[in-house]
C-alpha cells in the first residue's frame, strides 16, 4: 500500500456508499421532478438532470479523495482483476 492511498476497506466502503447515494439521488430527483411538474416532460428532464449533476458533484467532492470517485464496484473489480489498478492491501 502506498502511503497516500487509504486502506482497501475504506475505499470499498466509500465506493459502496457513493453508489448507494447516487442511486438514491437519481431516483429521488426523478420522483421529485414528476411531482413538481406533472404535465411538462421537458421541465421534468431539466429538473432531474440538474439535481443529479449537483448531487454527483457533492458525492465526488466528499468521496473522491477516498475512493477516487469510483461509484461502480463492478468497474473497480474488473480493473483489479485485469491488473489496471493497484493490488488490494
N, C-alpha and C. Protein backbone atom coordinates (compact mmCIF):
# COMPACT_ATOMS: atom_id res chain seq x y z
N UNK A 1 0.85 -1.18 0.00
CA UNK A 1 0.00 0.00 0.00
C UNK A 1 0.89 1.23 0.00
N UNK A 2 0.54 2.19 -0.84
CA UNK A 2 1.28 3.45 -0.85
C UNK A 2 0.84 4.30 0.33
N UNK A 3 1.71 5.20 0.72
CA UNK A 3 1.43 5.99 1.92
C UNK A 3 0.28 6.98 1.74
N UNK A 4 -0.02 7.39 0.49
CA UNK A 4 -1.08 8.37 0.29
C UNK A 4 -2.41 7.75 -0.11
N UNK A 5 -2.51 6.42 -0.13
CA UNK A 5 -3.76 5.76 -0.52
C UNK A 5 -4.42 5.14 0.70
N UNK A 6 -5.72 5.41 0.90
CA UNK A 6 -6.42 4.83 2.06
C UNK A 6 -6.47 3.31 1.95
N UNK A 7 -6.68 2.63 3.08
CA UNK A 7 -6.78 1.16 3.06
C UNK A 7 -7.96 0.69 2.20
N UNK A 8 -7.86 -0.54 1.74
CA UNK A 8 -8.87 -1.10 0.84
C UNK A 8 -10.27 -1.06 1.46
N UNK A 9 -10.40 -1.38 2.74
CA UNK A 9 -11.72 -1.41 3.36
C UNK A 9 -12.36 -0.03 3.34
N UNK A 10 -11.56 1.01 3.51
CA UNK A 10 -12.11 2.37 3.47
C UNK A 10 -12.55 2.76 2.06
N UNK A 11 -11.75 2.38 1.08
CA UNK A 11 -12.11 2.67 -0.31
C UNK A 11 -13.37 1.91 -0.70
N UNK A 12 -13.48 0.65 -0.27
CA UNK A 12 -14.65 -0.17 -0.61
C UNK A 12 -15.92 0.40 0.03
N UNK A 13 -15.83 0.82 1.28
CA UNK A 13 -17.00 1.41 1.95
C UNK A 13 -17.39 2.72 1.29
N UNK A 14 -16.41 3.54 0.93
CA UNK A 14 -16.70 4.81 0.25
C UNK A 14 -17.36 4.55 -1.10
N UNK A 15 -16.89 3.54 -1.82
CA UNK A 15 -17.48 3.22 -3.12
C UNK A 15 -18.91 2.70 -2.97
N UNK A 16 -19.14 1.82 -2.00
CA UNK A 16 -20.48 1.31 -1.76
C UNK A 16 -21.42 2.43 -1.34
N UNK A 17 -20.98 3.28 -0.46
CA UNK A 17 -21.79 4.41 -0.01
C UNK A 17 -22.07 5.37 -1.17
N UNK A 18 -21.06 5.65 -1.98
CA UNK A 18 -21.24 6.54 -3.13
C UNK A 18 -22.23 5.97 -4.13
N UNK A 19 -22.12 4.67 -4.40
CA UNK A 19 -23.05 4.03 -5.34
C UNK A 19 -24.48 4.10 -4.81
N UNK A 20 -24.65 3.78 -3.54
CA UNK A 20 -25.99 3.81 -2.94
C UNK A 20 -26.59 5.21 -2.95
N UNK A 21 -25.80 6.19 -2.59
CA UNK A 21 -26.30 7.56 -2.57
C UNK A 21 -26.59 8.08 -3.97
N UNK A 22 -25.77 7.69 -4.94
CA UNK A 22 -26.02 8.12 -6.32
C UNK A 22 -27.34 7.55 -6.84
N UNK A 23 -27.62 6.29 -6.54
CA UNK A 23 -28.89 5.69 -6.94
C UNK A 23 -30.05 6.44 -6.28
N UNK A 24 -29.92 6.74 -4.99
CA UNK A 24 -30.97 7.49 -4.29
C UNK A 24 -31.18 8.88 -4.89
N UNK A 25 -30.09 9.54 -5.26
CA UNK A 25 -30.19 10.87 -5.85
C UNK A 25 -30.91 10.82 -7.20
N UNK A 26 -30.54 9.87 -8.04
CA UNK A 26 -31.15 9.78 -9.37
C UNK A 26 -32.63 9.42 -9.28
N UNK A 27 -32.95 8.42 -8.47
CA UNK A 27 -34.35 8.00 -8.34
C UNK A 27 -35.16 9.10 -7.65
N UNK A 28 -34.62 9.66 -6.60
CA UNK A 28 -35.33 10.72 -5.87
C UNK A 28 -35.57 11.96 -6.70
N UNK A 29 -34.58 12.34 -7.51
CA UNK A 29 -34.77 13.53 -8.34
C UNK A 29 -35.80 13.26 -9.44
N UNK A 30 -35.87 12.03 -9.92
CA UNK A 30 -36.91 11.69 -10.91
C UNK A 30 -38.30 11.76 -10.32
N UNK A 31 -38.44 11.22 -9.11
CA UNK A 31 -39.74 11.26 -8.44
C UNK A 31 -40.14 12.70 -8.12
N UNK A 32 -39.18 13.48 -7.62
CA UNK A 32 -39.48 14.88 -7.29
C UNK A 32 -39.86 15.67 -8.54
N UNK A 33 -39.17 15.42 -9.65
CA UNK A 33 -39.49 16.13 -10.88
C UNK A 33 -40.90 15.80 -11.36
N UNK A 34 -41.31 14.54 -11.23
CA UNK A 34 -42.68 14.17 -11.63
C UNK A 34 -43.70 14.86 -10.74
N UNK A 35 -43.41 15.00 -9.46
CA UNK A 35 -44.34 15.64 -8.54
C UNK A 35 -44.41 17.16 -8.77
N UNK A 36 -43.26 17.75 -9.11
CA UNK A 36 -43.22 19.20 -9.28
C UNK A 36 -43.83 19.67 -10.61
N UNK A 37 -43.66 18.88 -11.65
CA UNK A 37 -44.13 19.27 -12.98
C UNK A 37 -44.81 18.08 -13.67
N UNK A 38 -46.01 17.74 -13.23
CA UNK A 38 -46.63 16.52 -13.76
C UNK A 38 -47.00 16.56 -15.24
N UNK A 39 -47.15 17.73 -15.81
CA UNK A 39 -47.59 17.81 -17.21
C UNK A 39 -46.54 18.34 -18.18
N UNK A 40 -45.30 18.47 -17.73
CA UNK A 40 -44.25 19.03 -18.59
C UNK A 40 -43.01 18.15 -18.54
N UNK A 41 -42.90 17.24 -19.51
CA UNK A 41 -41.80 16.29 -19.53
C UNK A 41 -40.45 16.98 -19.72
N UNK A 42 -40.41 18.02 -20.52
CA UNK A 42 -39.17 18.75 -20.74
C UNK A 42 -38.64 19.37 -19.45
N UNK A 43 -39.52 19.96 -18.68
CA UNK A 43 -39.13 20.54 -17.40
C UNK A 43 -38.72 19.45 -16.42
N UNK A 44 -39.38 18.31 -16.45
CA UNK A 44 -39.00 17.18 -15.59
C UNK A 44 -37.57 16.75 -15.87
N UNK A 45 -37.22 16.65 -17.16
CA UNK A 45 -35.86 16.25 -17.53
C UNK A 45 -34.83 17.27 -17.05
N UNK A 46 -35.16 18.55 -17.17
CA UNK A 46 -34.26 19.59 -16.70
C UNK A 46 -34.08 19.51 -15.19
N UNK A 47 -35.17 19.36 -14.46
CA UNK A 47 -35.08 19.26 -13.00
C UNK A 47 -34.29 18.03 -12.58
N UNK A 48 -34.57 16.89 -13.22
CA UNK A 48 -33.89 15.65 -12.88
C UNK A 48 -32.40 15.76 -13.16
N UNK A 49 -32.03 16.26 -14.32
CA UNK A 49 -30.61 16.34 -14.66
C UNK A 49 -29.87 17.35 -13.78
N UNK A 50 -30.52 18.45 -13.45
CA UNK A 50 -29.88 19.45 -12.60
C UNK A 50 -29.65 18.91 -11.19
N UNK A 51 -30.66 18.28 -10.63
CA UNK A 51 -30.50 17.70 -9.29
C UNK A 51 -29.44 16.59 -9.29
N UNK A 52 -29.41 15.79 -10.35
CA UNK A 52 -28.43 14.71 -10.43
C UNK A 52 -27.01 15.24 -10.52
N UNK A 53 -26.78 16.25 -11.36
CA UNK A 53 -25.43 16.78 -11.51
C UNK A 53 -24.96 17.44 -10.21
N UNK A 54 -25.85 18.13 -9.52
CA UNK A 54 -25.45 18.74 -8.24
C UNK A 54 -25.18 17.68 -7.18
N UNK A 55 -26.01 16.65 -7.13
CA UNK A 55 -25.78 15.56 -6.18
C UNK A 55 -24.49 14.82 -6.47
N UNK A 56 -24.23 14.55 -7.74
CA UNK A 56 -22.99 13.86 -8.12
C UNK A 56 -21.77 14.71 -7.79
N UNK A 57 -21.87 16.01 -7.97
CA UNK A 57 -20.77 16.90 -7.62
C UNK A 57 -20.45 16.82 -6.14
N UNK A 58 -21.48 16.82 -5.31
CA UNK A 58 -21.27 16.71 -3.86
C UNK A 58 -20.63 15.36 -3.51
N UNK A 59 -21.10 14.28 -4.13
CA UNK A 59 -20.52 12.97 -3.86
C UNK A 59 -19.05 12.90 -4.27
N UNK A 60 -18.73 13.47 -5.42
CA UNK A 60 -17.34 13.46 -5.88
C UNK A 60 -16.46 14.26 -4.93
N UNK A 61 -16.94 15.40 -4.48
CA UNK A 61 -16.15 16.21 -3.55
C UNK A 61 -15.98 15.53 -2.20
N UNK A 62 -17.01 14.81 -1.75
CA UNK A 62 -16.93 14.14 -0.45
C UNK A 62 -16.12 12.85 -0.49
N UNK A 63 -16.37 12.01 -1.49
CA UNK A 63 -15.79 10.67 -1.51
C UNK A 63 -14.64 10.52 -2.49
N UNK A 64 -14.42 11.49 -3.34
CA UNK A 64 -13.34 11.41 -4.31
C UNK A 64 -11.97 11.20 -3.70
N UNK A 65 -11.62 11.92 -2.64
CA UNK A 65 -10.30 11.73 -2.05
C UNK A 65 -10.08 10.32 -1.49
N UNK A 66 -11.15 9.64 -1.13
CA UNK A 66 -11.01 8.30 -0.55
C UNK A 66 -11.04 7.23 -1.63
N UNK A 67 -12.05 7.28 -2.51
CA UNK A 67 -12.25 6.19 -3.47
C UNK A 67 -11.85 6.55 -4.89
N UNK A 68 -11.41 7.77 -5.11
CA UNK A 68 -11.12 8.18 -6.48
C UNK A 68 -12.39 8.45 -7.26
N UNK A 69 -13.51 8.63 -6.56
CA UNK A 69 -14.82 8.89 -7.15
C UNK A 69 -15.29 7.73 -8.03
N UNK A 70 -14.91 6.53 -7.68
CA UNK A 70 -15.43 5.34 -8.37
C UNK A 70 -16.74 4.97 -7.70
N UNK A 71 -17.81 5.03 -8.45
CA UNK A 71 -19.11 4.70 -7.88
C UNK A 71 -19.72 3.48 -8.54
N UNK A 72 -18.89 2.66 -9.17
CA UNK A 72 -19.37 1.43 -9.77
C UNK A 72 -18.44 0.30 -9.34
N UNK A 73 -18.86 -0.51 -8.37
CA UNK A 73 -17.99 -1.56 -7.85
C UNK A 73 -17.58 -2.58 -8.91
N UNK A 74 -18.41 -2.81 -9.91
CA UNK A 74 -18.08 -3.78 -10.96
C UNK A 74 -16.88 -3.29 -11.78
N UNK A 75 -16.84 -2.01 -12.08
CA UNK A 75 -15.72 -1.46 -12.84
C UNK A 75 -14.43 -1.56 -12.02
N UNK A 76 -14.50 -1.24 -10.75
CA UNK A 76 -13.31 -1.33 -9.90
C UNK A 76 -12.83 -2.77 -9.77
N UNK A 77 -13.76 -3.71 -9.64
CA UNK A 77 -13.40 -5.11 -9.56
C UNK A 77 -12.76 -5.58 -10.87
N UNK A 78 -13.32 -5.18 -11.99
CA UNK A 78 -12.75 -5.55 -13.29
C UNK A 78 -11.35 -4.95 -13.45
N UNK A 79 -11.15 -3.71 -13.04
CA UNK A 79 -9.82 -3.10 -13.09
C UNK A 79 -8.82 -3.89 -12.26
N UNK A 80 -9.24 -4.30 -11.08
CA UNK A 80 -8.36 -5.06 -10.20
C UNK A 80 -8.03 -6.42 -10.81
N UNK A 81 -9.04 -7.10 -11.36
CA UNK A 81 -8.81 -8.42 -11.98
C UNK A 81 -7.88 -8.31 -13.18
N UNK A 82 -8.07 -7.27 -13.99
CA UNK A 82 -7.24 -7.09 -15.18
C UNK A 82 -5.88 -6.47 -14.88
N UNK A 83 -5.65 -6.12 -13.63
CA UNK A 83 -4.35 -5.59 -13.23
C UNK A 83 -4.13 -4.13 -13.56
N UNK A 84 -5.21 -3.40 -13.84
CA UNK A 84 -5.06 -1.98 -14.16
C UNK A 84 -5.08 -1.11 -12.92
N UNK A 85 -5.43 -1.67 -11.79
CA UNK A 85 -5.44 -0.92 -10.54
C UNK A 85 -4.45 -1.57 -9.58
N UNK A 86 -4.13 -0.85 -8.53
CA UNK A 86 -3.21 -1.39 -7.55
C UNK A 86 -3.79 -2.61 -6.87
N UNK A 87 -2.96 -3.52 -6.49
CA UNK A 87 -3.40 -4.74 -5.80
C UNK A 87 -3.97 -4.37 -4.44
N UNK A 88 -4.93 -5.17 -3.93
CA UNK A 88 -5.52 -4.85 -2.63
C UNK A 88 -4.50 -4.95 -1.51
N UNK A 89 -4.81 -4.28 -0.41
CA UNK A 89 -3.91 -4.26 0.76
C UNK A 89 -3.83 -5.62 1.40
